[in-house]
N, C-alpha and C. Protein backbone atom coordinates (compact mmCIF):
# COMPACT_ATOMS: atom_id res chain seq x y z
N MET A 1 0.95 -1.36 -0.33
CA MET A 1 -0.24 0.03 0.24
C MET A 1 0.66 1.12 -0.08
N ALA A 2 2.08 0.94 0.92
CA ALA A 2 3.18 2.56 -0.26
C ALA A 2 3.29 2.60 -1.02
N GLN A 3 3.12 1.61 -1.55
CA GLN A 3 3.52 2.32 -3.44
C GLN A 3 2.81 3.45 -3.97
N ARG A 4 1.31 3.09 -3.10
CA ARG A 4 0.28 4.70 -3.38
C ARG A 4 1.07 5.76 -3.59
N CYS A 5 1.81 5.72 -3.14
CA CYS A 5 2.19 7.17 -1.89
C CYS A 5 3.21 7.80 -3.27
N HIS A 6 3.63 7.02 -4.48
CA HIS A 6 4.72 7.21 -5.58
C HIS A 6 4.38 7.84 -6.67
N GLY A 7 2.58 8.04 -6.68
CA GLY A 7 2.28 8.59 -8.19
C GLY A 7 1.14 8.46 -8.36
N GLU A 8 1.32 8.44 -10.41
CA GLU A 8 0.52 7.76 -11.47
C GLU A 8 1.18 6.21 -11.46
N GLN A 9 2.53 6.57 -11.88
CA GLN A 9 3.29 4.68 -12.32
C GLN A 9 4.48 4.85 -10.38
N PRO A 10 3.43 4.19 -10.16
CA PRO A 10 4.60 3.74 -8.89
C PRO A 10 5.46 2.65 -9.25
N PRO A 11 6.56 2.15 -7.93
CA PRO A 11 7.24 1.32 -8.50
C PRO A 11 6.97 -0.06 -8.30
N GLN A 12 7.61 -0.77 -9.41
CA GLN A 12 7.71 -2.28 -9.30
C GLN A 12 7.15 -2.68 -8.36
N SER A 13 8.38 -2.58 -7.13
CA SER A 13 8.96 -3.39 -6.29
C SER A 13 9.09 -2.54 -4.76
N ARG A 14 9.38 -3.18 -3.91
CA ARG A 14 9.22 -2.92 -2.33
C ARG A 14 10.09 -3.54 -1.99
N VAL A 15 10.66 -2.74 -0.66
CA VAL A 15 11.56 -4.06 0.62
C VAL A 15 10.69 -3.41 1.80
N GLY A 16 10.98 -3.95 3.15
CA GLY A 16 10.46 -3.33 4.17
C GLY A 16 10.76 -3.94 5.11
N LEU A 17 11.55 -3.28 6.35
CA LEU A 17 11.63 -3.31 8.02
C LEU A 17 10.26 -2.47 8.32
N SER A 18 9.84 -4.25 9.74
CA SER A 18 8.45 -3.59 10.36
C SER A 18 9.18 -3.68 11.70
N PHE A 19 8.14 -3.29 12.92
CA PHE A 19 8.19 -3.42 14.75
C PHE A 19 6.96 -3.26 14.91
N GLY A 20 6.36 -4.94 15.74
CA GLY A 20 5.15 -4.70 16.65
C GLY A 20 4.90 -5.75 17.32
N ALA A 21 3.72 -5.63 17.94
CA ALA A 21 3.35 -5.85 19.16
C ALA A 21 2.58 -5.55 19.32
N PHE A 22 1.83 -7.12 19.64
CA PHE A 22 -0.09 -7.27 19.52
C PHE A 22 -0.01 -8.23 21.16
N ARG A 23 -0.98 -8.36 20.91
CA ARG A 23 -1.98 -9.08 22.91
C ARG A 23 -3.19 -9.55 21.80
N THR A 24 -3.59 -10.80 22.04
CA THR A 24 -4.68 -11.52 21.46
C THR A 24 -5.22 -12.68 23.05
N ARG A 25 -6.32 -13.46 22.64
CA ARG A 25 -6.62 -13.97 23.67
C ARG A 25 -6.69 -15.31 22.75
N LEU A 26 -6.08 -16.71 23.78
CA LEU A 26 -6.53 -17.67 22.69
C LEU A 26 -8.07 -18.52 23.88
N VAL A 27 -7.99 -19.55 23.70
CA VAL A 27 -8.70 -20.93 24.19
C VAL A 27 -8.16 -21.78 23.86
N PHE A 28 -8.21 -22.93 24.46
CA PHE A 28 -7.68 -24.61 24.24
C PHE A 28 -8.54 -25.39 25.08
N ALA A 29 -9.42 -25.66 24.44
CA ALA A 29 -9.61 -27.01 24.77
C ALA A 29 -8.85 -27.94 25.97
N GLU A 30 -10.23 -28.22 26.80
CA GLU A 30 -9.24 -28.46 28.29
C GLU A 30 -7.91 -28.10 28.76
N ARG A 31 -7.73 -26.36 28.56
CA ARG A 31 -7.18 -25.79 29.25
C ARG A 31 -7.70 -24.55 29.57
N GLY A 32 -8.29 -23.80 29.13
CA GLY A 32 -9.37 -22.72 28.84
C GLY A 32 -8.70 -21.29 27.70
N PHE A 33 -9.04 -20.47 28.66
CA PHE A 33 -8.39 -19.07 27.99
C PHE A 33 -6.77 -18.86 28.58
N LEU A 34 -6.32 -18.03 27.45
CA LEU A 34 -4.71 -17.48 28.00
C LEU A 34 -4.04 -16.70 27.34
N ASP A 35 -4.39 -15.51 28.00
CA ASP A 35 -3.60 -13.90 27.21
C ASP A 35 -2.36 -14.77 26.83
N LEU A 36 -2.19 -13.65 25.19
CA LEU A 36 -0.52 -14.03 24.38
C LEU A 36 -1.00 -12.23 24.37
N GLU A 37 0.97 -12.16 24.12
CA GLU A 37 1.05 -10.78 24.32
C GLU A 37 2.66 -10.82 23.46
N GLU A 38 2.81 -10.37 22.56
CA GLU A 38 4.09 -10.55 21.26
C GLU A 38 4.72 -9.55 21.27
N LEU A 39 6.46 -9.62 21.29
CA LEU A 39 6.87 -8.68 20.29
C LEU A 39 7.52 -9.16 19.38
N ALA A 40 7.39 -8.11 18.08
CA ALA A 40 8.07 -9.21 17.27
C ALA A 40 8.57 -7.73 16.24
N ALA A 41 9.69 -8.22 15.30
CA ALA A 41 10.68 -7.89 14.33
C ALA A 41 10.33 -8.85 12.51
N GLY A 42 9.94 -8.04 11.36
CA GLY A 42 10.58 -8.59 10.45
C GLY A 42 10.75 -8.07 9.33
N VAL A 43 11.04 -8.52 8.02
CA VAL A 43 11.43 -7.63 6.96
C VAL A 43 10.18 -8.86 5.63
N SER A 44 10.05 -7.64 4.75
CA SER A 44 8.91 -7.73 3.56
C SER A 44 9.42 -7.47 2.06
N PHE A 45 9.07 -8.05 0.99
CA PHE A 45 9.42 -8.04 0.10
C PHE A 45 7.65 -7.71 -1.21
N GLU A 46 7.76 -6.76 -1.37
CA GLU A 46 6.18 -6.58 -2.53
C GLU A 46 7.26 -6.45 -3.87
N ARG A 47 5.60 -7.02 -4.92
CA ARG A 47 6.62 -7.57 -5.97
C ARG A 47 4.66 -6.48 -6.87
N ARG A 48 4.61 -6.41 -7.64
CA ARG A 48 3.57 -5.37 -8.15
C ARG A 48 3.56 -6.03 -9.29
N LEU A 49 2.96 -7.20 -9.73
CA LEU A 49 2.35 -7.58 -10.78
C LEU A 49 1.22 -6.90 -11.94
N SER A 50 0.94 -5.98 -12.18
CA SER A 50 0.05 -5.01 -12.55
C SER A 50 -0.70 -3.91 -11.30
N LYS A 51 -1.42 -3.03 -11.90
CA LYS A 51 -2.32 -2.62 -11.18
C LYS A 51 -2.99 -2.19 -9.87
N GLN A 52 -3.52 -3.31 -10.52
CA GLN A 52 -4.30 -3.73 -9.13
C GLN A 52 -3.77 -4.89 -8.34
N VAL A 53 -2.49 -5.83 -7.98
CA VAL A 53 -2.75 -6.84 -8.48
C VAL A 53 -1.14 -6.64 -7.54
N THR A 54 -1.31 -7.12 -6.22
CA THR A 54 0.39 -6.91 -5.38
C THR A 54 0.23 -8.49 -4.62
N LEU A 55 1.96 -8.66 -4.84
CA LEU A 55 2.31 -9.89 -3.92
C LEU A 55 3.50 -9.38 -2.69
N GLN A 56 3.24 -9.94 -1.76
CA GLN A 56 4.15 -9.64 -0.82
C GLN A 56 4.89 -10.93 -0.02
N LEU A 57 5.55 -11.33 0.11
CA LEU A 57 6.50 -12.03 0.99
C LEU A 57 7.14 -11.81 2.36
N SER A 58 6.56 -12.03 3.43
CA SER A 58 7.50 -12.13 5.00
C SER A 58 8.02 -12.98 6.10
N GLY A 59 8.80 -12.57 7.13
CA GLY A 59 9.42 -13.31 7.46
C GLY A 59 9.61 -12.38 8.91
N GLY A 60 10.33 -13.04 9.90
CA GLY A 60 10.86 -12.53 10.80
C GLY A 60 11.33 -13.37 12.09
N GLY A 61 11.39 -12.72 13.09
CA GLY A 61 11.73 -12.98 14.64
C GLY A 61 10.92 -12.67 15.56
N ILE A 62 9.96 -13.46 16.68
CA ILE A 62 9.84 -13.28 17.64
C ILE A 62 10.79 -12.91 18.75
N GLY A 63 11.09 -11.79 19.16
CA GLY A 63 11.85 -11.33 20.62
C GLY A 63 11.11 -11.57 21.44
N TYR A 64 9.55 -11.79 22.04
CA TYR A 64 9.41 -11.69 23.09
C TYR A 64 8.23 -11.89 23.08
N ALA A 65 7.67 -13.31 24.29
CA ALA A 65 5.76 -13.73 24.00
C ALA A 65 5.86 -14.26 25.19
N ARG A 66 4.61 -13.88 25.39
CA ARG A 66 4.27 -14.64 26.98
C ARG A 66 2.90 -15.02 26.91
N LEU A 67 2.53 -16.56 27.15
CA LEU A 67 1.73 -16.93 26.81
C LEU A 67 0.56 -17.17 28.77
N GLY A 68 -0.17 -16.67 29.01
CA GLY A 68 -0.46 -16.78 30.25
C GLY A 68 -0.14 -15.68 31.47
N GLY A 69 0.06 -14.99 30.92
CA GLY A 69 0.12 -13.49 32.15
C GLY A 69 1.88 -13.73 32.25
N PRO A 70 1.76 -12.25 33.48
CA PRO A 70 2.81 -12.23 33.59
C PRO A 70 4.02 -13.09 34.90
N ALA A 71 4.06 -14.07 34.81
CA ALA A 71 4.34 -15.48 35.93
C ALA A 71 4.40 -16.52 34.98
N ALA A 72 4.37 -16.25 33.71
CA ALA A 72 4.13 -17.24 32.93
C ALA A 72 6.14 -17.00 31.80
N GLU A 73 6.78 -18.54 31.44
CA GLU A 73 8.07 -18.39 31.00
C GLU A 73 7.62 -17.61 29.95
N THR A 74 8.98 -17.12 29.30
CA THR A 74 9.20 -15.99 28.17
C THR A 74 9.22 -16.85 26.78
N LEU A 75 8.66 -17.03 25.65
CA LEU A 75 8.83 -17.12 24.84
C LEU A 75 10.19 -16.85 24.15
N ARG A 76 10.09 -17.79 22.40
CA ARG A 76 10.81 -16.15 21.56
C ARG A 76 10.63 -17.93 20.36
N GLY A 77 11.22 -16.60 18.97
CA GLY A 77 10.28 -17.46 18.31
C GLY A 77 10.63 -16.53 16.33
N PHE A 78 9.94 -17.67 15.72
CA PHE A 78 10.21 -17.12 13.97
C PHE A 78 8.96 -17.18 13.63
N PHE A 79 8.71 -16.09 12.81
CA PHE A 79 7.08 -16.29 12.12
C PHE A 79 7.32 -16.06 10.40
N ALA A 80 6.74 -16.72 9.11
CA ALA A 80 6.85 -16.64 8.16
C ALA A 80 5.35 -16.45 7.73
N GLY A 81 5.20 -15.53 6.13
CA GLY A 81 4.03 -15.41 5.69
C GLY A 81 3.84 -15.78 4.01
N ALA A 82 2.87 -15.08 3.60
CA ALA A 82 2.73 -14.53 1.86
C ALA A 82 1.36 -14.45 2.09
N GLY A 83 0.80 -13.08 1.30
CA GLY A 83 -0.79 -12.91 0.70
C GLY A 83 -0.48 -12.01 -0.19
N GLY A 84 -1.42 -11.61 -0.56
CA GLY A 84 -1.45 -10.89 -2.00
C GLY A 84 -2.41 -9.46 -1.84
N SER A 85 -3.30 -8.31 -2.58
CA SER A 85 -3.67 -7.92 -2.63
C SER A 85 -4.27 -7.17 -3.84
N TRP A 86 -5.98 -7.10 -4.11
CA TRP A 86 -6.22 -6.49 -5.06
C TRP A 86 -7.02 -4.96 -4.92
N SER A 87 -6.28 -4.20 -5.59
CA SER A 87 -7.24 -2.84 -6.02
C SER A 87 -8.29 -2.98 -6.42
N VAL A 88 -9.20 -2.31 -6.09
CA VAL A 88 -10.40 -2.87 -6.12
C VAL A 88 -11.48 -1.46 -6.18
N LEU A 89 -10.72 -0.22 -6.06
CA LEU A 89 -11.24 1.25 -6.04
C LEU A 89 -10.18 1.65 -6.00
N GLU A 90 -9.42 3.00 -7.33
CA GLU A 90 -9.13 3.87 -7.06
C GLU A 90 -9.45 5.33 -7.16
N GLN A 91 -8.76 5.51 -5.88
CA GLN A 91 -9.06 6.86 -5.90
C GLN A 91 -9.37 8.14 -7.14
N LYS A 92 -10.67 8.81 -6.89
CA LYS A 92 -11.09 9.56 -7.74
C LYS A 92 -11.39 10.63 -7.43
N GLY A 93 -10.98 11.79 -7.78
CA GLY A 93 -11.80 12.74 -6.91
C GLY A 93 -11.95 12.72 -5.35
N ALA A 94 -13.19 13.08 -4.40
CA ALA A 94 -13.69 13.14 -3.07
C ALA A 94 -13.57 10.93 -2.95
N ILE A 95 -13.36 10.09 -3.44
CA ILE A 95 -13.87 8.76 -3.84
C ILE A 95 -12.53 8.06 -3.09
N PRO A 96 -11.96 7.54 -1.59
CA PRO A 96 -10.92 6.80 -1.10
C PRO A 96 -10.67 5.38 -2.46
N PHE A 97 -9.88 5.40 -2.59
CA PHE A 97 -9.40 3.51 -3.04
C PHE A 97 -9.84 2.53 -1.79
N VAL A 98 -9.64 1.59 -2.64
CA VAL A 98 -10.08 0.06 -1.33
C VAL A 98 -9.26 -0.79 -2.18
N MET A 99 -9.29 -1.34 -1.61
CA MET A 99 -7.75 -2.85 -1.31
C MET A 99 -8.36 -3.85 -0.81
N ILE A 100 -8.66 -5.06 -1.04
CA ILE A 100 -9.10 -6.51 -0.19
C ILE A 100 -7.68 -7.17 -0.99
N GLY A 101 -7.47 -8.42 0.40
CA GLY A 101 -6.31 -8.62 0.96
C GLY A 101 -6.81 -10.05 1.20
N LEU A 102 -5.63 -10.90 1.44
CA LEU A 102 -5.89 -12.76 1.36
C LEU A 102 -4.29 -12.59 1.91
N ALA A 103 -4.22 -13.37 2.93
CA ALA A 103 -2.53 -13.35 3.54
C ALA A 103 -2.82 -15.00 4.15
N LEU A 104 -1.36 -15.82 4.85
CA LEU A 104 -1.25 -16.55 5.58
C LEU A 104 -0.02 -17.18 6.02
N ALA A 105 -0.45 -17.25 7.47
CA ALA A 105 1.00 -17.16 7.98
C ALA A 105 0.75 -17.95 9.19
N GLY A 106 2.40 -18.45 9.76
CA GLY A 106 2.29 -19.39 10.77
C GLY A 106 3.60 -19.00 11.61
N SER A 107 3.17 -19.20 13.04
CA SER A 107 4.48 -18.48 13.60
C SER A 107 4.76 -19.92 14.59
N LEU A 108 6.05 -20.23 15.18
CA LEU A 108 6.77 -21.10 16.17
C LEU A 108 7.40 -19.85 17.55
N ALA A 109 7.22 -21.06 18.12
CA ALA A 109 7.40 -20.07 19.71
C ALA A 109 8.01 -20.71 20.63
N VAL A 110 9.48 -20.95 21.37
CA VAL A 110 9.27 -22.23 22.27
C VAL A 110 10.29 -21.06 23.17
N PRO A 111 10.33 -21.83 24.46
CA PRO A 111 11.03 -21.38 25.99
C PRO A 111 12.37 -21.31 25.42
N GLY A 112 13.11 -20.14 25.98
CA GLY A 112 14.49 -20.09 25.81
C GLY A 112 15.53 -21.32 26.62
N ARG A 113 14.94 -21.78 27.44
CA ARG A 113 15.31 -22.73 28.15
C ARG A 113 15.62 -24.34 27.47
N GLY A 114 14.98 -23.79 26.61
CA GLY A 114 14.69 -25.50 25.40
C GLY A 114 13.68 -26.56 25.87
N GLY A 115 14.19 -27.68 25.47
CA GLY A 115 12.92 -28.65 25.58
C GLY A 115 12.08 -28.39 24.98
N ASP A 116 10.60 -29.21 24.94
CA ASP A 116 9.74 -29.72 23.76
C ASP A 116 8.49 -28.68 24.42
N ASP A 117 8.07 -27.80 25.42
CA ASP A 117 7.18 -27.43 25.18
C ASP A 117 7.17 -25.92 23.46
N ALA A 118 5.73 -25.61 23.44
CA ALA A 118 6.14 -24.45 22.35
C ALA A 118 4.67 -24.22 22.13
N LEU A 119 4.18 -23.29 21.33
CA LEU A 119 3.36 -22.77 21.15
C LEU A 119 3.31 -22.74 19.40
N PHE A 120 2.44 -23.65 18.12
CA PHE A 120 2.53 -23.05 16.75
C PHE A 120 1.12 -22.40 16.83
N ALA A 121 0.99 -21.92 16.17
CA ALA A 121 0.16 -20.79 15.66
C ALA A 121 0.25 -20.90 13.66
N PHE A 122 -1.41 -20.75 13.50
CA PHE A 122 -1.32 -20.65 12.30
C PHE A 122 -2.68 -19.48 11.09
N ASP A 123 -2.64 -18.56 10.65
CA ASP A 123 -4.30 -18.18 10.70
C ASP A 123 -4.22 -17.42 8.73
N LEU A 124 -5.29 -17.73 8.71
CA LEU A 124 -6.15 -17.15 7.74
C LEU A 124 -6.41 -16.68 7.51
N ARG A 125 -6.26 -14.80 6.75
CA ARG A 125 -6.48 -13.46 6.95
C ARG A 125 -7.48 -13.06 6.01
N GLY A 126 -8.29 -12.27 6.03
CA GLY A 126 -8.74 -11.83 4.55
C GLY A 126 -9.25 -10.29 5.11
N SER A 127 -9.03 -8.96 4.09
CA SER A 127 -8.83 -7.45 4.49
C SER A 127 -9.43 -6.63 3.87
N VAL A 128 -10.07 -5.62 3.95
CA VAL A 128 -10.68 -3.94 3.59
C VAL A 128 -9.43 -2.80 4.00
N THR A 129 -9.21 -2.38 3.27
CA THR A 129 -8.22 -1.24 3.32
C THR A 129 -8.82 -0.08 2.71
N ALA A 130 -9.60 1.15 3.05
CA ALA A 130 -9.23 1.44 2.33
C ALA A 130 -9.23 3.58 2.92
N GLY A 131 -8.29 3.89 1.84
CA GLY A 131 -8.07 5.44 2.58
C GLY A 131 -7.61 6.11 1.31
N TYR A 132 -7.01 7.72 2.03
CA TYR A 132 -7.07 8.42 0.60
C TYR A 132 -5.76 8.93 0.51
N THR A 133 -5.05 9.21 -0.49
CA THR A 133 -3.32 9.86 -0.53
C THR A 133 -3.80 11.29 -0.46
N LEU A 134 -3.12 11.90 0.51
CA LEU A 134 -2.99 13.56 0.21
C LEU A 134 -1.83 13.99 -0.12
N ALA A 135 -2.17 15.03 -0.84
CA ALA A 135 -0.86 16.27 -1.40
C ALA A 135 0.56 14.66 -1.94
N LYS A 136 0.10 13.75 -2.59
CA LYS A 136 0.92 12.61 -2.71
C LYS A 136 2.47 12.25 -2.07
N ARG A 137 1.64 12.06 -1.07
CA ARG A 137 2.37 11.99 0.41
C ARG A 137 1.53 12.00 1.57
N TRP A 138 0.34 11.89 1.71
CA TRP A 138 0.12 11.36 3.40
C TRP A 138 -0.96 10.57 3.06
N THR A 139 -0.68 9.39 3.51
CA THR A 139 -2.15 8.02 3.83
C THR A 139 -2.85 7.26 4.65
N PRO A 140 -3.28 8.59 5.03
CA PRO A 140 -4.08 8.37 5.82
C PRO A 140 -5.07 7.04 5.55
N TYR A 141 -5.79 6.02 6.04
CA TYR A 141 -6.21 4.92 6.26
C TYR A 141 -7.20 4.51 7.03
N LEU A 142 -8.07 3.82 7.26
CA LEU A 142 -9.05 2.35 7.86
C LEU A 142 -8.62 1.09 7.37
N VAL A 143 -8.65 -0.20 8.29
CA VAL A 143 -8.53 -1.47 8.14
C VAL A 143 -9.69 -2.34 8.81
N GLY A 144 -9.99 -2.84 8.12
CA GLY A 144 -10.72 -4.42 8.83
C GLY A 144 -10.33 -5.76 8.71
N ARG A 145 -9.58 -5.98 8.86
CA ARG A 145 -9.68 -8.48 8.75
C ARG A 145 -10.42 -9.07 9.16
N LEU A 146 -10.77 -10.33 8.58
CA LEU A 146 -11.22 -11.66 9.84
C LEU A 146 -10.27 -12.10 9.56
N PHE A 147 -10.06 -13.08 10.35
CA PHE A 147 -8.81 -14.01 10.62
C PHE A 147 -9.48 -15.33 11.25
N GLY A 148 -8.80 -16.95 11.16
CA GLY A 148 -9.41 -17.99 11.42
C GLY A 148 -8.18 -18.90 11.37
N GLY A 149 -7.84 -20.00 12.53
CA GLY A 149 -6.45 -20.50 12.16
C GLY A 149 -6.73 -21.38 13.39
N PRO A 150 -5.79 -22.56 13.75
CA PRO A 150 -5.68 -23.36 14.92
C PRO A 150 -4.76 -22.60 15.44
N ALA A 151 -4.40 -23.24 16.87
CA ALA A 151 -3.14 -22.64 17.52
C ALA A 151 -2.72 -24.35 18.44
N PHE A 152 -1.43 -24.49 18.77
CA PHE A 152 -1.48 -25.76 19.31
C PHE A 152 -0.29 -25.31 20.22
N LEU A 153 -0.76 -25.50 21.75
CA LEU A 153 0.47 -25.63 21.98
C LEU A 153 0.60 -27.06 23.19
N ALA A 154 2.13 -27.26 23.46
CA ALA A 154 2.91 -28.42 24.02
C ALA A 154 3.24 -27.98 25.10
N GLU A 155 2.41 -28.54 26.14
CA GLU A 155 2.82 -28.06 27.08
C GLU A 155 3.14 -29.28 27.94
N ARG A 156 4.60 -29.64 28.86
CA ARG A 156 4.59 -30.91 29.68
C ARG A 156 4.12 -31.77 29.47
N GLY A 157 4.37 -32.98 27.75
CA GLY A 157 4.01 -33.75 27.59
C GLY A 157 3.04 -33.92 27.16
N ARG A 158 1.70 -32.99 26.76
CA ARG A 158 0.53 -32.91 25.99
C ARG A 158 0.55 -31.64 25.02
N THR A 159 -0.87 -31.70 24.29
CA THR A 159 -0.77 -30.98 23.10
C THR A 159 -2.49 -30.59 23.53
N TYR A 160 -3.29 -29.46 23.19
CA TYR A 160 -3.67 -28.25 23.40
C TYR A 160 -4.50 -27.30 22.04
N VAL A 161 -5.33 -28.04 21.54
CA VAL A 161 -5.62 -26.98 20.39
C VAL A 161 -6.11 -25.74 20.69
N GLY A 162 -6.25 -24.91 20.04
CA GLY A 162 -6.91 -23.89 20.62
C GLY A 162 -7.39 -22.75 19.40
N THR A 163 -7.74 -21.62 19.04
CA THR A 163 -7.95 -20.65 18.80
C THR A 163 -8.20 -19.26 18.99
N ASP A 164 -7.90 -18.68 18.29
CA ASP A 164 -8.14 -16.73 18.77
C ASP A 164 -9.47 -16.73 19.63
N VAL A 165 -9.98 -15.72 20.46
CA VAL A 165 -11.20 -15.76 20.86
C VAL A 165 -11.91 -14.66 20.13
N TRP A 166 -10.94 -14.21 19.85
CA TRP A 166 -11.53 -12.35 19.18
C TRP A 166 -10.79 -12.68 17.19
N HIS A 167 -11.57 -13.00 16.21
CA HIS A 167 -11.30 -13.46 14.52
C HIS A 167 -11.23 -12.25 14.17
N PHE A 168 -11.40 -10.92 14.75
CA PHE A 168 -11.51 -9.72 13.75
C PHE A 168 -10.26 -8.93 14.33
N GLN A 169 -9.94 -7.98 13.68
CA GLN A 169 -9.21 -6.59 13.71
C GLN A 169 -9.90 -4.88 13.06
N LEU A 170 -10.10 -4.08 13.91
CA LEU A 170 -10.23 -2.48 13.42
C LEU A 170 -9.50 -1.78 13.86
N GLY A 171 -8.89 -1.19 13.18
CA GLY A 171 -7.86 -0.30 12.97
C GLY A 171 -7.25 1.00 11.80
N ALA A 172 -6.48 1.75 11.86
CA ALA A 172 -5.78 2.47 11.43
C ALA A 172 -4.28 3.01 11.21
N GLY A 173 -4.09 3.41 9.92
CA GLY A 173 -3.05 3.48 10.16
C GLY A 173 -2.39 5.04 8.89
N LEU A 174 -1.05 5.43 8.49
CA LEU A 174 -0.58 6.42 8.32
C LEU A 174 0.72 6.08 7.24
N VAL A 175 0.79 5.89 5.97
CA VAL A 175 1.51 6.17 5.08
C VAL A 175 2.19 7.52 5.15
N VAL A 176 3.39 7.40 5.40
CA VAL A 176 3.86 8.92 4.55
C VAL A 176 5.15 8.65 3.76
N GLY A 177 5.46 9.03 2.75
CA GLY A 177 6.05 9.07 1.75
C GLY A 177 7.36 9.91 1.32
N LEU A 178 8.30 9.44 1.51
CA LEU A 178 9.59 10.30 1.63
C LEU A 178 10.89 10.38 0.44
N PRO A 179 11.41 11.53 0.59
CA PRO A 179 11.84 11.16 -0.49
C PRO A 179 12.82 10.46 -1.30
N GLY A 180 13.37 9.91 -2.77
CA GLY A 180 14.49 9.16 -2.50
C GLY A 180 13.52 7.39 -2.30
N GLY A 181 12.39 7.34 -2.53
CA GLY A 181 11.08 5.82 -2.80
C GLY A 181 10.94 5.42 -1.18
N PHE A 182 11.62 6.11 -0.12
CA PHE A 182 11.26 5.97 0.72
C PHE A 182 9.94 5.74 1.63
N ASP A 183 9.05 5.38 2.74
CA ASP A 183 8.32 5.38 3.09
C ASP A 183 8.08 4.78 4.90
N LEU A 184 7.32 5.44 5.57
CA LEU A 184 7.13 5.40 7.03
C LEU A 184 5.84 5.27 7.02
N SER A 185 5.13 4.32 8.20
CA SER A 185 4.34 3.87 7.92
C SER A 185 3.78 3.65 9.66
N ALA A 186 2.93 3.54 9.94
CA ALA A 186 2.45 3.39 11.15
C ALA A 186 0.80 2.88 11.37
N GLU A 187 0.24 1.63 12.07
CA GLU A 187 -1.11 1.35 12.44
C GLU A 187 -1.28 0.67 13.65
N LEU A 188 -2.03 1.79 14.32
CA LEU A 188 -2.80 1.23 15.84
C LEU A 188 -4.24 0.53 15.13
N VAL A 189 -4.15 -0.44 16.03
CA VAL A 189 -5.26 -1.55 16.10
C VAL A 189 -5.97 -1.78 17.25
N PRO A 190 -6.83 -1.16 17.97
CA PRO A 190 -7.44 -1.54 19.33
C PRO A 190 -8.46 -2.38 19.20
N LEU A 191 -9.44 -2.80 18.76
CA LEU A 191 -10.40 -3.92 18.93
C LEU A 191 -10.10 -5.02 18.49
N GLY A 192 -10.56 -5.94 18.65
CA GLY A 192 -10.35 -7.31 18.54
C GLY A 192 -9.33 -7.88 18.73
N GLU A 193 -8.50 -8.63 18.10
CA GLU A 193 -6.69 -8.64 17.99
C GLU A 193 -5.59 -7.68 18.03
N GLN A 194 -5.51 -7.20 18.87
CA GLN A 194 -5.08 -5.59 19.17
C GLN A 194 -3.66 -5.33 18.63
N ARG A 195 -2.82 -4.10 17.84
CA ARG A 195 -1.94 -4.09 17.53
C ARG A 195 -1.08 -2.87 17.21
N VAL A 196 0.15 -2.39 17.79
CA VAL A 196 0.42 -1.35 17.40
C VAL A 196 1.73 -2.09 16.44
N SER A 197 2.41 -1.25 15.15
CA SER A 197 3.23 -1.34 14.75
C SER A 197 3.68 -0.27 13.91
N ALA A 198 5.00 0.12 12.95
CA ALA A 198 5.54 0.59 12.28
C ALA A 198 6.70 0.23 11.76
N GLY A 199 7.08 0.84 10.47
CA GLY A 199 7.94 -0.02 9.55
C GLY A 199 8.17 1.10 8.67
N LEU A 200 9.60 1.00 8.40
CA LEU A 200 10.24 1.75 6.84
C LEU A 200 10.59 0.97 5.73
N GLY A 201 10.21 1.41 4.43
CA GLY A 201 9.60 0.56 3.36
C GLY A 201 10.79 1.63 2.52
N TYR A 202 11.22 0.42 1.21
CA TYR A 202 12.23 1.21 -0.20
C TYR A 202 11.38 0.92 -1.26
N ALA A 203 10.78 1.46 -1.64
CA ALA A 203 10.37 0.93 -3.25
C ALA A 203 11.45 1.81 -4.22
N PHE A 204 11.63 0.17 -5.85
CA PHE A 204 12.16 0.49 -6.42
C PHE A 204 11.60 -0.20 -7.54
């Protein structure tokens, strides 16, 4: 989406660095509700296939994760994902742009002490993003996402199957185009699966 800040003929590729924190609640059969909070950093690569379609690959590390509250053990791991977006409505006059997206991602987090305990999760999520580019540089937007997928908790020799309590996100963000093809982005999601993130990108 940051490519929208570069005018009528945006670059074909973009690389990005991002940092994010999120908080949600999982529910596991025979284990109950467990709060999950996580900090992660990642890289991404986007390739524009046409004026409407863009594909993305992403991956990174989970520097901190905690499942079950402040007394729970700290986890670390990694994540990877792939997805695409499709522009269904171009910005024109007072009409904002609208994009829909589909992404699949998975993550694995384990205790720093090692052992067989682990948290593995993956989800498929769809999104709708609507925004408006001002002065060819500033792009505020609103975003809504629906997602679902299983989570597997291996703990003390047993495996529990669970999922998110909330299967949606509602939030807003801002992309700022900078000289030389760079851009800054930030997003705040206060409803559903809560998330805050920031990133730096370079389009070429």
